[in-house]
C-alpha atoms as a PDB file:
ATOM      1  CA  MET A   1      45.663 345.940  68.562  1.00  0.00           C
ATOM      2  CA  VAL A   2      45.475 348.124  71.659  1.00  0.00           C
ATOM      3  CA  ILE A   3      48.690 348.904  73.541  1.00  0.00           C
ATOM      4  CA  ALA A   4      48.799 347.385  77.021  1.00  0.00           C
ATOM      5  CA  SER A   5      47.938 349.691  79.935  1.00  0.00           C
ATOM      6  CA  VAL A   6      46.299 352.257  77.662  1.00  0.00           C
ATOM      7  CA  LEU A   7      43.920 353.260  80.421  1.00  0.00           C
ATOM      8  CA  ASP A   8      46.628 353.455  83.067  1.00  0.00           C
ATOM      9  CA  ASP A   9      45.377 355.879  85.752  1.00  0.00           C
ATOM     10  CA  GLU A  10      48.845 357.118  86.671  1.00  0.00           C
ATOM     11  CA  LEU A  11      49.684 357.915  83.058  1.00  0.00           C
ATOM     12  CA  GLU A  12      46.366 359.696  82.573  1.00  0.00           C
ATOM     13  CA  THR A  13      46.969 361.768  85.708  1.00  0.00           C
ATOM     14  CA  ARG A  14      50.479 362.679  84.520  1.00  0.00           C
ATOM     15  CA  SER A  15      49.138 363.586  81.074  1.00  0.00           C
ATOM     16  CA  LYS A  16      46.380 365.748  82.564  1.00  0.00           C
ATOM     17  CA  SER A  17      48.898 367.581  84.787  1.00  0.00           C
ATOM     18  CA  LEU A  18      51.359 368.228  81.949  1.00  0.00           C
ATOM     19  CA  PHE A  19      49.063 368.867  79.005  1.00  0.00           C
ATOM     20  CA  GLY A  20      45.611 369.532  80.438  1.00  0.00           C
ATOM     21  CA  ASN A  21      44.379 366.388  78.688  1.00  0.00           C
ATOM     22  CA  ARG A  22      44.392 362.829  79.981  1.00  0.00           C
ATOM     23  CA  HIS A  23      45.009 361.259  76.553  1.00  0.00           C
ATOM     24  CA  MET A  24      47.998 363.240  75.208  1.00  0.00           C
ATOM     25  CA  LEU A  25      50.666 360.926  76.639  1.00  0.00           C
ATOM     26  CA  HIS A  26      48.851 357.865  75.283  1.00  0.00           C
ATOM     27  CA  ILE A  27      48.802 359.452  71.820  1.00  0.00           C
ATOM     28  CA  ALA A  28      52.418 360.664  72.100  1.00  0.00           C
ATOM     29  CA  ARG A  29      53.639 357.233  73.266  1.00  0.00           C
ATOM     30  CA  ASP A  30      51.992 355.537  70.329  1.00  0.00           C
ATOM     31  CA  ILE A  31      53.365 358.007  67.785  1.00  0.00           C
ATOM     32  CA  ALA A  32      56.838 357.966  69.360  1.00  0.00           C
ATOM     33  CA  THR A  33      57.111 354.197  68.945  1.00  0.00           C
ATOM     34  CA  ARG A  34      55.775 354.062  65.363  1.00  0.00           C
ATOM     35  CA  ARG A  35      57.853 353.813  62.218  1.00  0.00           C
ATOM     36  CA  GLY A  36      56.541 355.420  59.068  1.00  0.00           C
ATOM     37  CA  PRO A  37      53.332 357.264  58.213  1.00  0.00           C
ATOM     38  CA  PHE A  38      50.078 356.770  60.120  1.00  0.00           C
ATOM     39  CA  THR A  39      46.489 358.020  60.172  1.00  0.00           C
ATOM     40  CA  VAL A  40      44.319 359.274  63.017  1.00  0.00           C
ATOM     41  CA  LYS A  41      42.386 356.001  62.780  1.00  0.00           C
ATOM     42  CA  ASP A  42      45.617 353.991  63.199  1.00  0.00           C
ATOM     43  CA  VAL A  43      46.453 355.821  66.427  1.00  0.00           C
ATOM     44  CA  ALA A  44      42.890 355.723  67.788  1.00  0.00           C
ATOM     45  CA  THR A  45      42.618 352.004  67.124  1.00  0.00           C
ATOM     46  CA  ARG A  46      45.956 351.159  68.690  1.00  0.00           C
ATOM     47  CA  THR A  47      45.521 353.334  71.792  1.00  0.00           C
ATOM     48  CA  GLY A  48      41.829 352.872  72.455  1.00  0.00           C
ATOM     49  CA  VAL A  49      41.428 356.658  72.717  1.00  0.00           C
ATOM     50  CA  PRO A  50      38.205 357.854  71.016  1.00  0.00           C
ATOM     51  CA  TYR A  51      38.660 358.935  67.400  1.00  0.00           C
ATOM     52  CA  SER A  52      37.441 362.497  68.034  1.00  0.00           C
ATOM     53  CA  SER A  53      39.923 363.003  70.888  1.00  0.00           C
ATOM     54  CA  THR A  54      42.741 361.447  68.879  1.00  0.00           C
ATOM     55  CA  HIS A  55      41.962 363.695  65.905  1.00  0.00           C
ATOM     56  CA  ARG A  56      41.989 366.847  68.045  1.00  0.00           C
ATOM     57  CA  LEU A  57      45.281 365.947  69.740  1.00  0.00           C
ATOM     58  CA  ILE A  58      46.981 365.033  66.475  1.00  0.00           C
ATOM     59  CA  ARG A  59      45.908 368.392  65.055  1.00  0.00           C
ATOM     60  CA  HIS A  60      47.472 370.085  68.117  1.00  0.00           C
ATOM     61  CA  LEU A  61      50.719 368.183  67.596  1.00  0.00           C
ATOM     62  CA  GLU A  62      50.698 369.172  63.922  1.00  0.00           C
ATOM     63  CA  SER A  63      50.023 372.848  64.745  1.00  0.00           C
ATOM     64  CA  VAL A  64      53.180 373.059  66.873  1.00  0.00           C
ATOM     65  CA  GLY A  65      55.345 371.293  64.295  1.00  0.00           C
ATOM     66  CA  LEU A  66      55.669 367.891  65.997  1.00  0.00           C
ATOM     67  CA  LEU A  67      53.809 366.116  63.187  1.00  0.00           C
ATOM     68  CA  GLU A  68      54.010 366.660  59.460  1.00  0.00           C
ATOM     69  CA  PRO A  69      51.266 365.717  57.012  1.00  0.00           C
ATOM     70  CA  THR A  70      52.415 363.530  54.154  1.00  0.00           C
ATOM     71  CA  PRO A  71      51.428 364.373  50.585  1.00  0.00           C
ATOM     72  CA  ALA A  72      47.929 363.044  49.969  1.00  0.00           C
ATOM     73  CA  LYS A  73      46.943 360.960  46.980  1.00  0.00           C
ATOM     74  CA  PRO A  74      43.588 361.820  45.356  1.00  0.00           C
ATOM     75  CA  SER A  75      42.233 358.336  46.122  1.00  0.00           C
ATOM     76  CA  GLU A  76      42.973 358.510  49.866  1.00  0.00           C
ATOM     77  CA  GLN A  77      40.196 359.324  52.302  1.00  0.00           C
ATOM     78  CA  HIS A  78      42.417 359.693  55.353  1.00  0.00           C
ATOM     79  CA  ARG A  79      45.174 362.161  56.015  1.00  0.00           C
ATOM     80  CA  TRP A  80      48.562 360.596  56.735  1.00  0.00           C
ATOM     81  CA  TYR A  81      51.121 361.994  59.176  1.00  0.00           C
ATOM     82  CA  GLU A  82      54.767 361.471  60.037  1.00  0.00           C
ATOM     83  CA  ARG A  83      56.617 362.328  63.218  1.00  0.00           C
ATOM     84  CA  ALA A  84      58.829 365.410  62.924  1.00  0.00           C
ATOM     85  CA  SER A  85      62.340 365.040  64.270  1.00  0.00           C
ATOM     86  CA  HIS A  86      62.161 366.541  67.767  1.00  0.00           C
ATOM     87  CA  LYS A  87      63.334 365.763  71.304  1.00  0.00           C
ATOM     88  CA  PHE A  88      59.703 365.732  72.426  1.00  0.00           C
ATOM     89  CA  TRP A  89      59.264 362.160  71.202  1.00  0.00           C
ATOM     90  CA  GLY A  90      62.089 360.812  73.374  1.00  0.00           C
ATOM     91  CA  ALA A  91      60.764 362.770  76.343  1.00  0.00           C
ATOM     92  CA  ALA A  92      57.276 361.361  75.755  1.00  0.00           C
ATOM     93  CA  GLN A  93      58.678 357.834  75.844  1.00  0.00           C
ATOM     94  CA  GLN A  94      60.493 358.569  79.105  1.00  0.00           C
ATOM     95  CA  LEU A  95      57.363 360.093  80.658  1.00  0.00           C
ATOM     96  CA  CYS A  96      55.448 356.947  79.716  1.00  0.00           C
ATOM     97  CA  GLY A  97      58.144 354.560  80.933  1.00  0.00           C
ATOM     98  CA  VAL A  98      58.722 353.134  77.451  1.00  0.00           C
ATOM     99  CA  ASP A  99      62.490 353.104  77.877  1.00  0.00           C
ATOM    100  CA  ASP A 100      62.608 351.882  81.507  1.00  0.00           C
ATOM    101  CA  HIS A 101      64.044 348.496  80.502  1.00  0.00           C
ATOM    102  CA  LYS A 102      66.737 350.124  78.373  1.00  0.00           C
ATOM    103  CA  ARG A 103      67.789 352.391  81.264  1.00  0.00           C
ATOM    104  CA  GLU A 104      67.986 349.421  83.648  1.00  0.00           C
ATOM    105  CA  VAL A 105      70.151 347.458  81.206  1.00  0.00           C
ATOM    106  CA  THR A 106      72.426 350.460  80.705  1.00  0.00           C
ATOM    107  CA  LYS A 107      72.649 351.027  84.451  1.00  0.00           C
ATOM    108  CA  GLY A 108      73.588 347.384  85.021  1.00  0.00           C
ATOM    109  CA  VAL A 109      76.371 347.595  82.431  1.00  0.00           C
ATOM    110  CA  GLN A 110      77.748 350.809  83.972  1.00  0.00           C
ATOM    111  CA  ASP A 111      77.664 349.303  87.478  1.00  0.00           C
ATOM    112  CA  ALA A 112      79.645 346.216  86.386  1.00  0.00           C
END
């Protein structure tokens, strides 16, 4: 399953301006909305971003402490990750417009 508007030009432009990479916000949006552990393949499949790009960006996020590897089992081929608790994930959702509906609902309630 690929998230809708994965190849959104505006989002790619915003990502390139902020992070120097057009895919980072796609990856961050996917991770921010996930619950539980995930693999690079999970994120690449869901976002439509090439595996090699997804792997590199996930390693960047891990290197700055935004992702934490989960303990690996000897039988597992893939490395599993979990989101670290950080304000970045909420900001990523806002930058991607993930919470636009929630803000509109809240605004409507406050205006009433």
